């Protein structure tokens, strides 16, 4: 369980039973950055605006809006908020509805708190990783996929090598001979690949053996 990631999360718990809210507050307060407990979907939507939770746990059967309706409303407002459905019932229609509206998890009552914390930890870890990727800019491998159709075959391998050897400033340091030797590729193939990337403004030559990758280039 990634306790560190979970400690960065604000969790909103929604249940019309006061005892359930008290228990959840006691458990989650020891693991999460902030825990908000409310008794209805309407209160949850207000808390969503005020506290901007990372994860919502909601009971499925409540007076007023149901947990499924709340799930749908949360995802429409902010799809990045993870929503876990909580139910004392295991009927298949609840599961189907939950995942139809892109629930991030499903828990059954009575709670197994260890399983719950494991699920929340997994969600927190995924959120932390996604946040880190956004801060670092476009993912290099996603960028590679965008140009595979342009390159194809051996040339794609050469470009992948370049991408995997970029420094923190998106600079590649290496000569045609060095790339050819590293990949057991012919020098003409390496030269042709670099020329394509230069022509399409994917790479910019700064000086001999130094190139900048333009990750925002239009292929």
Protein backbone atom coordinates (compact mmCIF):
# COMPACT_ATOMS: atom_id res chain seq x y z
CA UNK A 1 0.00 0.00 0.00
CA UNK A 2 1.39 3.38 -1.04
CA UNK A 3 0.72 5.36 2.13
CA UNK A 4 2.69 8.36 0.86
CA UNK A 5 0.45 8.80 -2.18
CA UNK A 6 -2.71 8.35 -0.11
CA UNK A 7 -1.53 11.03 2.32
CA UNK A 8 -1.70 13.55 -0.53
CA UNK A 9 -5.38 12.85 -1.23
CA UNK A 10 -8.55 14.64 -0.15
CA UNK A 11 -11.37 12.10 0.15
CA UNK A 12 -15.10 12.83 0.20
CA UNK A 13 -17.31 10.14 1.76
CA UNK A 14 -21.07 10.21 1.12
CA UNK A 15 -23.49 8.15 3.22
CA UNK A 16 -26.84 8.95 4.81
CA UNK A 17 -25.98 6.86 7.90
CA UNK A 18 -24.28 8.90 10.61
CA UNK A 19 -22.51 5.90 12.15
CA UNK A 20 -20.97 5.02 8.80
CA UNK A 21 -19.73 8.59 8.40
CA UNK A 22 -18.21 8.61 11.88
CA UNK A 23 -16.40 5.30 11.28
CA UNK A 24 -15.08 6.42 7.92
CA UNK A 25 -13.90 9.74 9.29
CA UNK A 26 -11.99 7.94 12.03
CA UNK A 27 -10.32 5.50 9.62
CA UNK A 28 -9.50 7.81 6.73
CA UNK A 29 -8.24 10.69 8.86
CA UNK A 30 -5.24 8.55 9.75
CA UNK A 31 -4.30 7.97 6.11
CA UNK A 32 -5.51 10.87 3.99
CA UNK A 33 -4.63 14.54 3.75
CA UNK A 34 -8.23 15.58 4.32
CA UNK A 35 -11.49 13.68 4.86
CA UNK A 36 -14.93 15.22 4.30
CA UNK A 37 -18.05 13.26 5.23
CA UNK A 38 -21.53 14.32 4.10
CA UNK A 39 -24.98 12.75 4.25
CA UNK A 40 -26.42 13.26 0.77
CA UNK A 41 -25.55 13.63 -2.89
CA UNK A 42 -26.62 17.29 -2.86
CA UNK A 43 -24.20 17.97 -0.01
CA UNK A 44 -21.53 16.06 -1.90
CA UNK A 45 -21.91 18.25 -5.00
CA UNK A 46 -21.54 21.35 -2.81
CA UNK A 47 -18.44 19.82 -1.17
CA UNK A 48 -17.05 19.03 -4.60
CA UNK A 49 -17.06 22.74 -5.44
CA UNK A 50 -15.68 23.82 -2.07
CA UNK A 51 -13.04 21.17 -1.28
CA UNK A 52 -12.10 19.77 -4.71
CA UNK A 53 -11.62 16.18 -3.51
CA UNK A 54 -9.38 13.76 -5.35
CA UNK A 55 -11.53 10.72 -4.52
CA UNK A 56 -15.24 10.33 -3.78
CA UNK A 57 -16.65 7.29 -1.98
CA UNK A 58 -20.41 7.19 -2.19
CA UNK A 59 -23.11 4.88 -0.92
CA UNK A 60 -25.35 3.70 -3.73
CA UNK A 61 -28.75 3.90 -2.00
CA UNK A 62 -29.56 7.23 -0.37
CA UNK A 63 -32.57 9.54 -0.12
CA UNK A 64 -32.63 11.94 -3.05
CA UNK A 65 -30.01 11.34 -5.70
CA UNK A 66 -28.52 7.85 -5.70
CA UNK A 67 -24.83 7.06 -5.70
CA UNK A 68 -25.03 6.22 -9.39
CA UNK A 69 -26.58 9.60 -10.16
CA UNK A 70 -23.91 11.28 -8.06
CA UNK A 71 -21.22 9.34 -9.91
CA UNK A 72 -22.59 10.58 -13.23
CA UNK A 73 -22.78 14.17 -11.97
CA UNK A 74 -19.22 14.13 -10.60
CA UNK A 75 -17.77 12.72 -13.81
CA UNK A 76 -19.58 15.34 -15.87
CA UNK A 77 -18.19 18.12 -13.68
CA UNK A 78 -14.65 16.77 -13.40
CA UNK A 79 -13.71 13.44 -14.97
CA UNK A 80 -10.37 13.44 -13.11
CA UNK A 81 -12.10 12.90 -9.76
CA UNK A 82 -12.04 9.19 -8.89
CA UNK A 83 -15.39 7.81 -7.72
CA UNK A 84 -15.78 4.57 -5.77
CA UNK A 85 -19.27 3.12 -5.37
CA UNK A 86 -20.19 1.61 -1.98
CA UNK A 87 -23.12 -0.78 -1.63
CA UNK A 88 -24.56 -3.35 0.72
CA UNK A 89 -26.02 -5.06 -2.32
CA UNK A 90 -24.20 -7.08 -4.95
CA UNK A 91 -26.91 -7.16 -7.61
CA UNK A 92 -25.39 -7.13 -11.07
CA UNK A 93 -27.34 -4.07 -12.19
CA UNK A 94 -25.49 -1.91 -9.67
CA UNK A 95 -22.14 -3.10 -10.97
CA UNK A 96 -23.18 -2.54 -14.57
CA UNK A 97 -24.47 0.95 -13.82
CA UNK A 98 -21.37 1.80 -11.81
CA UNK A 99 -18.96 0.93 -14.56
CA UNK A 100 -21.19 2.27 -17.30
CA UNK A 101 -20.66 5.68 -15.72
CA UNK A 102 -16.91 5.04 -15.33
CA UNK A 103 -16.69 4.26 -11.62
CA UNK A 104 -13.12 3.79 -10.45
CA UNK A 105 -13.98 1.03 -7.99
CA UNK A 106 -16.75 -0.83 -6.17
CA UNK A 107 -16.84 -1.77 -2.48
CA UNK A 108 -19.33 -3.88 -0.59
CA UNK A 109 -20.64 -3.34 2.93
CA UNK A 110 -19.80 -4.27 5.58
CA UNK A 111 -16.41 -2.71 4.92
CA UNK A 112 -13.19 -4.62 4.84
CA UNK A 113 -11.13 -1.55 5.70
CA UNK A 114 -7.87 -3.14 4.59
CA UNK A 115 -9.28 -3.80 1.11
CA UNK A 116 -10.73 -0.31 1.01
CA UNK A 117 -7.38 1.29 1.87
CA UNK A 118 -5.64 -0.87 -0.73
CA UNK A 119 -8.09 0.33 -3.39
CA UNK A 120 -7.73 3.97 -2.36
CA UNK A 121 -3.96 3.59 -2.32
CA UNK A 122 -3.98 2.19 -5.87
CA UNK A 123 -6.13 5.10 -7.04
CA UNK A 124 -3.87 7.62 -5.25
CA UNK A 125 -0.79 6.08 -6.84
CA UNK A 126 -2.33 6.33 -10.31
CA UNK A 127 -3.28 9.94 -9.69
CA UNK A 128 0.20 10.78 -8.45
CA UNK A 129 1.76 9.21 -11.54
CA UNK A 130 -0.62 11.07 -13.87
CA UNK A 131 0.16 14.35 -12.12
CA UNK A 132 3.88 13.72 -12.47
CA UNK A 133 3.50 13.03 -16.20
CA UNK A 134 1.60 16.29 -16.68
CA UNK A 135 4.35 18.24 -14.94
CA UNK A 136 7.02 16.60 -17.06
CA UNK A 137 5.23 17.46 -20.30
CA UNK A 138 4.22 15.15 -23.18
CA UNK A 139 5.11 11.52 -22.72
CA UNK A 140 7.98 10.53 -25.00
CA UNK A 141 6.55 7.12 -25.86
CA UNK A 142 3.19 8.64 -26.78
CA UNK A 143 5.07 11.01 -29.03
CA UNK A 144 6.86 8.08 -30.63
CA UNK A 145 3.54 6.41 -31.44
CA UNK A 146 2.48 9.56 -33.24
CA UNK A 147 5.36 9.28 -35.68
CA UNK A 148 5.49 5.53 -36.25
CA UNK A 149 3.37 5.74 -39.39
CA UNK A 150 5.78 8.30 -40.80
CA UNK A 151 8.86 6.22 -40.06
CA UNK A 152 8.07 2.55 -39.96
CA UNK A 153 10.37 -0.42 -39.42
CA UNK A 154 14.03 0.19 -38.64
CA UNK A 155 13.60 3.94 -38.68
CA UNK A 156 11.09 3.72 -35.82
CA UNK A 157 13.69 1.85 -33.75
CA UNK A 158 16.21 4.60 -34.41
CA UNK A 159 13.75 7.27 -33.34
CA UNK A 160 12.87 5.32 -30.21
CA UNK A 161 16.56 5.19 -29.37
CA UNK A 162 16.77 8.97 -29.71
CA UNK A 163 13.71 9.48 -27.53
CA UNK A 164 14.99 7.15 -24.82
CA UNK A 165 18.28 9.05 -24.67
CA UNK A 166 16.94 12.59 -24.36
CA UNK A 167 18.19 14.63 -21.43
CA UNK A 168 16.04 16.79 -19.15
CA UNK A 169 16.01 19.55 -21.77
CA UNK A 170 14.81 17.23 -24.57
CA UNK A 171 18.29 17.26 -26.12
CA UNK A 172 19.89 14.27 -27.80
CA UNK A 173 23.65 13.99 -27.88
CA UNK A 174 25.09 11.54 -30.37
CA UNK A 175 26.53 11.18 -33.85
CA UNK A 176 25.24 9.08 -36.73
CA UNK A 177 28.09 6.65 -36.19
CA UNK A 178 27.30 6.27 -32.48
CA UNK A 179 23.62 5.59 -33.16
CA UNK A 180 24.43 3.12 -35.92
CA UNK A 181 26.84 1.26 -33.66
CA UNK A 182 24.43 1.19 -30.70
CA UNK A 183 21.61 -0.29 -32.80
CA UNK A 184 23.70 -2.36 -35.23
CA UNK A 185 22.07 -0.33 -37.99
CA UNK A 186 23.56 0.91 -41.23
CA UNK A 187 24.78 4.48 -41.23
CA UNK A 188 22.75 5.40 -44.36
CA UNK A 189 19.56 4.29 -42.57
CA UNK A 190 20.45 6.40 -39.53
CA UNK A 191 21.26 9.41 -41.70
CA UNK A 192 18.00 9.05 -43.66
CA UNK A 193 15.98 8.80 -40.44
CA UNK A 194 17.56 11.94 -39.00
CA UNK A 195 16.98 13.79 -42.27
CA UNK A 196 13.27 12.93 -42.19
CA UNK A 197 13.01 14.18 -38.61
CA UNK A 198 14.87 17.37 -39.45
CA UNK A 199 12.70 18.04 -42.50
CA UNK A 200 9.52 17.54 -40.47
CA UNK A 201 10.84 19.75 -37.65
CA UNK A 202 10.68 16.88 -35.19
CA UNK A 203 14.39 17.43 -34.57
CA UNK A 204 16.40 20.63 -34.73
CA UNK A 205 20.17 20.39 -35.13
CA UNK A 206 21.85 22.71 -32.65
CA UNK A 207 25.43 21.70 -33.45
CA UNK A 208 27.34 18.63 -34.53
CA UNK A 209 26.05 15.65 -32.54
CA UNK A 210 23.44 17.67 -30.61
CA UNK A 211 19.73 17.81 -31.49
CA UNK A 212 16.64 19.21 -29.79
CA UNK A 213 13.41 17.21 -30.03
CA UNK A 214 10.39 19.40 -30.72
CA UNK A 215 7.69 17.41 -28.93
CA UNK A 216 4.96 19.81 -30.09
CA UNK A 217 5.83 19.39 -33.76
CA UNK A 218 3.00 18.64 -36.19
CA UNK A 219 3.68 15.40 -38.04
